Amino acid sequence: MEIEYIKCHGSGNLFIMVDSTVCDLAGVDLGSLSRQVCDCDGGIGADGLLLLVYGEGHYGMRMFNPDGSEAEMCGNGIRCIARLAEAHAGVREFDLTSGGGLYRLRRCADIAPGVATYGVDIPVRLWSADFATHSRGERFVGQRIPQLDPDLSFTAISVGNPHIVARVDSIDYNLLEKLGHRVVGLREIFPNGVNVSLVEVRGRNEIFVATYERGAGITPSCGTAMTSSATAMALAGDCGFDENIRVLNRGGAVECLCMREGDTLLTRLVGNATFESRGRIEICGGSMTGYSVDALYDEETAAYGTFLRSIGR
């Protein structure tokens, strides 16, 4: 059989997106399919597989990493899913599910001419069962994890998936790679693994973020990591609550608005949802056997390129 796909990205985070509300994926091993389509040699090449799903009155997202594992949430991916869902829902503001959570999505003013832009409101928690660093009701903000690194101070944040964030003077990608590998062996602290981000504060309400993602490694961009990093810097006083924070990464830029009401934290992540191409994936026996590229979204790709140049990327 054949299924249609769209190759898209949020802030340079590449995905293969499939609308499972209009195609039958019964019998398909989705983890295996993700590994195949994400592979840069024999596959299409991407940082993850996205599925638009529908159930219990809501559209939703399922996201699979390049290693086949399923992620609870993806801030860059859900914006792309929102663009696909908007066409079905017929409204510009709606709720989407992901990993058991419910998220408010909206079409926003374009961040640059010709760059489709969406925002997602992401509830932020400072504790979850993914962290053995602290107990329920406590915060782990700007503290050391000696087993991971003796010098860095981390903040633990859950935005549907777990993150730890450390401020540094400059990004060291070799160190980031080492931290990403080390957390795999720290199951007594991070029982389900964790995403690791290093953050440079470049000015008032401007930061640069690099992330090692569970199941993917270092990617050009991670939406939930940018959300977590902006929130962590707001908690530390390096950025402001209720002020737009520009978050840069190797894939582009987004804006985050961190909001606080009592002990409740909510961060709005606003950024692009750009389509690059569309085509068909050939599947036999539950696995991909080939694919075709049927059309390119050249104008969108060019518009995003212009945006990157405007921000010096």
Foldseek 3Di string as FASTA:
>chain_A
DKFKWFWWWWLQQTETEGECVPPPLPQALQLQQLLAQCDPPRHVHGQWYWYFDDDPHAIAIWIAGNNSHTAQDFQTVVFLSLVVVCVVVVDFWDWYHGNRDIKIKGFDDAPFPLFTKMKIKFWKDQDDPQFPPDDPPDWQAQDDDVQQPNPWGWGWMDRSFIEIETEDQDDDLVSQQSSQVSQVVPCVGGVPGYKYKYWHLPAAQEIEIWIQDVRRGTGQDTQVRQQVHSVSCCVVVSYHAQDWHWYHTNSAIWIKHWHDDPPIIMIMIMTGIATFFMWMFDDDSNYTDDIDTDDGPVVRVVRVVVRCVVVPD
